[in-house]
C-alpha atoms as a PDB file:
ATOM      1  CA  UNK A   1      91.976-137.889-105.533  1.00  0.00           C
ATOM      2  CA  UNK A   2      93.834-136.395-108.952  1.00  0.00           C
ATOM      3  CA  UNK A   3      92.135-136.048-112.314  1.00  0.00           C
ATOM      4  CA  UNK A   4      92.679-134.313-115.488  1.00  0.00           C
ATOM      5  CA  UNK A   5      90.972-131.385-115.181  1.00  0.00           C
ATOM      6  CA  UNK A   6      91.741-129.450-118.159  1.00  0.00           C
ATOM      7  CA  UNK A   7      94.113-129.232-121.292  1.00  0.00           C
ATOM      8  CA  UNK A   8      95.143-125.696-121.468  1.00  0.00           C
ATOM      9  CA  UNK A   9      96.456-123.475-124.097  1.00  0.00           C
ATOM     10  CA  UNK A  10      97.350-119.486-123.926  1.00  0.00           C
ATOM     11  CA  UNK A  11      95.723-117.665-126.793  1.00  0.00           C
ATOM     12  CA  UNK A  12      96.180-113.943-126.656  1.00  0.00           C
ATOM     13  CA  UNK A  13      92.899-113.337-127.830  1.00  0.00           C
ATOM     14  CA  UNK A  14      90.544-115.292-125.954  1.00  0.00           C
ATOM     15  CA  UNK A  15      87.214-113.953-127.986  1.00  0.00           C
ATOM     16  CA  UNK A  16      88.978-115.212-131.242  1.00  0.00           C
ATOM     17  CA  UNK A  17      89.936-118.408-130.146  1.00  0.00           C
ATOM     18  CA  UNK A  18      86.709-119.064-128.770  1.00  0.00           C
ATOM     19  CA  UNK A  19      85.348-118.300-132.145  1.00  0.00           C
ATOM     20  CA  UNK A  20      87.819-120.398-133.949  1.00  0.00           C
ATOM     21  CA  UNK A  21      87.109-123.537-131.355  1.00  0.00           C
ATOM     22  CA  UNK A  22      83.341-123.201-131.367  1.00  0.00           C
ATOM     23  CA  UNK A  23      82.786-122.604-135.047  1.00  0.00           C
ATOM     24  CA  UNK A  24      85.427-124.619-136.752  1.00  0.00           C
ATOM     25  CA  UNK A  25      85.840-127.487-134.347  1.00  0.00           C
ATOM     26  CA  UNK A  26      82.468-127.760-133.128  1.00  0.00           C
ATOM     27  CA  UNK A  27      83.368-127.202-129.135  1.00  0.00           C
ATOM     28  CA  UNK A  28      80.864-126.417-127.084  1.00  0.00           C
ATOM     29  CA  UNK A  29      81.627-123.267-124.552  1.00  0.00           C
ATOM     30  CA  UNK A  30      81.187-124.381-120.936  1.00  0.00           C
ATOM     31  CA  UNK A  31      82.203-121.331-119.700  1.00  0.00           C
ATOM     32  CA  UNK A  32      84.209-117.902-120.260  1.00  0.00           C
ATOM     33  CA  UNK A  33      85.606-115.226-118.200  1.00  0.00           C
ATOM     34  CA  UNK A  34      85.949-112.638-120.425  1.00  0.00           C
ATOM     35  CA  UNK A  35      89.319-112.217-122.296  1.00  0.00           C
ATOM     36  CA  UNK A  36      90.774-114.148-119.402  1.00  0.00           C
ATOM     37  CA  UNK A  37      89.920-117.755-120.057  1.00  0.00           C
ATOM     38  CA  UNK A  38      87.297-119.931-121.617  1.00  0.00           C
ATOM     39  CA  UNK A  39      86.731-123.471-120.762  1.00  0.00           C
ATOM     40  CA  UNK A  40      85.641-126.087-123.679  1.00  0.00           C
ATOM     41  CA  UNK A  41      83.563-129.498-123.514  1.00  0.00           C
ATOM     42  CA  UNK A  42      86.132-131.600-125.332  1.00  0.00           C
ATOM     43  CA  UNK A  43      83.660-134.698-125.036  1.00  0.00           C
ATOM     44  CA  UNK A  44      85.174-135.946-121.658  1.00  0.00           C
ATOM     45  CA  UNK A  45      87.891-133.772-120.301  1.00  0.00           C
ATOM     46  CA  UNK A  46      87.825-129.839-120.622  1.00  0.00           C
ATOM     47  CA  UNK A  47      90.043-127.954-123.639  1.00  0.00           C
ATOM     48  CA  UNK A  48      90.512-124.507-121.524  1.00  0.00           C
ATOM     49  CA  UNK A  49      92.232-121.425-122.968  1.00  0.00           C
ATOM     50  CA  UNK A  50      93.918-118.841-121.188  1.00  0.00           C
ATOM     51  CA  UNK A  51      94.606-115.349-121.876  1.00  0.00           C
ATOM     52  CA  UNK A  52      97.644-113.041-121.506  1.00  0.00           C
ATOM     53  CA  UNK A  53      96.131-112.231-117.643  1.00  0.00           C
ATOM     54  CA  UNK A  54      95.947-115.987-116.972  1.00  0.00           C
ATOM     55  CA  UNK A  55      98.826-117.432-118.663  1.00  0.00           C
ATOM     56  CA  UNK A  56     100.866-119.101-116.123  1.00  0.00           C
ATOM     57  CA  UNK A  57     102.824-121.321-118.242  1.00  0.00           C
ATOM     58  CA  UNK A  58     104.454-118.934-120.292  1.00  0.00           C
ATOM     59  CA  UNK A  59     102.668-119.618-123.277  1.00  0.00           C
ATOM     60  CA  UNK A  60     103.766-123.530-123.043  1.00  0.00           C
ATOM     61  CA  UNK A  61     100.129-125.632-123.208  1.00  0.00           C
ATOM     62  CA  UNK A  62      99.919-127.898-120.011  1.00  0.00           C
ATOM     63  CA  UNK A  63      97.410-130.389-118.286  1.00  0.00           C
ATOM     64  CA  UNK A  64      95.853-128.854-115.735  1.00  0.00           C
ATOM     65  CA  UNK A  65      95.407-131.867-112.833  1.00  0.00           C
ATOM     66  CA  UNK A  66      92.844-131.012-110.035  1.00  0.00           C
ATOM     67  CA  UNK A  67      93.733-132.056-106.493  1.00  0.00           C
ATOM     68  CA  UNK A  68      92.018-131.814-103.477  1.00  0.00           C
ATOM     69  CA  UNK A  69      94.728-130.129-101.532  1.00  0.00           C
ATOM     70  CA  UNK A  70      97.292-127.895-103.791  1.00  0.00           C
ATOM     71  CA  UNK A  71     100.119-127.370-101.273  1.00  0.00           C
ATOM     72  CA  UNK A  72     100.091-131.274-100.375  1.00  0.00           C
ATOM     73  CA  UNK A  73     100.012-132.470-104.006  1.00  0.00           C
ATOM     74  CA  UNK A  74     102.788-130.064-104.631  1.00  0.00           C
ATOM     75  CA  UNK A  75     104.731-131.299-101.933  1.00  0.00           C
ATOM     76  CA  UNK A  76     104.435-134.880-103.167  1.00  0.00           C
ATOM     77  CA  UNK A  77     105.071-134.038-106.793  1.00  0.00           C
ATOM     78  CA  UNK A  78     108.409-131.827-105.721  1.00  0.00           C
ATOM     79  CA  UNK A  79     109.763-134.755-103.057  1.00  0.00           C
ATOM     80  CA  UNK A  80     109.080-137.325-106.768  1.00  0.00           C
ATOM     81  CA  UNK A  81     111.440-134.760-108.609  1.00  0.00           C
ATOM     82  CA  UNK A  82     108.904-131.908-110.075  1.00  0.00           C
ATOM     83  CA  UNK A  83     110.368-128.306-110.000  1.00  0.00           C
ATOM     84  CA  UNK A  84     108.163-125.838-108.449  1.00  0.00           C
ATOM     85  CA  UNK A  85     107.667-122.897-110.751  1.00  0.00           C
ATOM     86  CA  UNK A  86     104.929-121.103-108.895  1.00  0.00           C
ATOM     87  CA  UNK A  87     102.592-120.916-106.263  1.00  0.00           C
ATOM     88  CA  UNK A  88     101.046-122.268-104.613  1.00  0.00           C
ATOM     89  CA  UNK A  89      98.499-119.234-105.091  1.00  0.00           C
ATOM     90  CA  UNK A  90      95.119-118.268-105.502  1.00  0.00           C
ATOM     91  CA  UNK A  91      93.713-117.441-108.603  1.00  0.00           C
ATOM     92  CA  UNK A  92      90.475-115.745-109.805  1.00  0.00           C
ATOM     93  CA  UNK A  93      88.310-119.263-109.834  1.00  0.00           C
ATOM     94  CA  UNK A  94      90.913-121.301-108.077  1.00  0.00           C
ATOM     95  CA  UNK A  95      93.976-121.942-106.126  1.00  0.00           C
ATOM     96  CA  UNK A  96      96.785-123.315-108.084  1.00  0.00           C
ATOM     97  CA  UNK A  97     100.729-124.194-108.809  1.00  0.00           C
ATOM     98  CA  UNK A  98     102.608-124.595-111.685  1.00  0.00           C
ATOM     99  CA  UNK A  99     105.346-127.167-111.951  1.00  0.00           C
ATOM    100  CA  UNK A 100     107.530-128.897-114.188  1.00  0.00           C
ATOM    101  CA  UNK A 101     107.778-132.780-114.314  1.00  0.00           C
ATOM    102  CA  UNK A 102     111.561-134.585-114.456  1.00  0.00           C
ATOM    103  CA  UNK A 103     111.449-134.201-118.245  1.00  0.00           C
ATOM    104  CA  UNK A 104     110.864-130.330-118.242  1.00  0.00           C
ATOM    105  CA  UNK A 105     107.141-130.348-119.288  1.00  0.00           C
ATOM    106  CA  UNK A 106     104.681-127.586-117.606  1.00  0.00           C
ATOM    107  CA  UNK A 107     101.541-128.627-115.931  1.00  0.00           C
ATOM    108  CA  UNK A 108      99.464-127.252-113.293  1.00  0.00           C
ATOM    109  CA  UNK A 109      97.798-128.677-110.195  1.00  0.00           C
ATOM    110  CA  UNK A 110      94.707-126.886-108.764  1.00  0.00           C
ATOM    111  CA  UNK A 111      91.462-126.862-106.433  1.00  0.00           C
ATOM    112  CA  UNK A 112      88.387-124.554-106.019  1.00  0.00           C
ATOM    113  CA  UNK A 113      88.640-122.113-103.150  1.00  0.00           C
END
């Protein structure tokens, strides 16, 4: 089953981004891994911020889809016209792959380890 796991933005300073989205927009912090990554409760969809260490999309915003099997989902997506950019690879919290859809938009496929 595929579902939207999060919408991902990149920030040079994750702590600053946490302060902004928490304090200015009132988003509750679900998880923070230091300066690497933070996840917020977006009211049904997680909003995530990745620091430079976890920037897998080259600074571009992307939707991350949670899948059961990253390799199989990436294979199916590339067979349908997506381009594999990196992975599948093991990240600090998940297995992930970065692809671009036929229009060139980045997206991430990920699954728990």
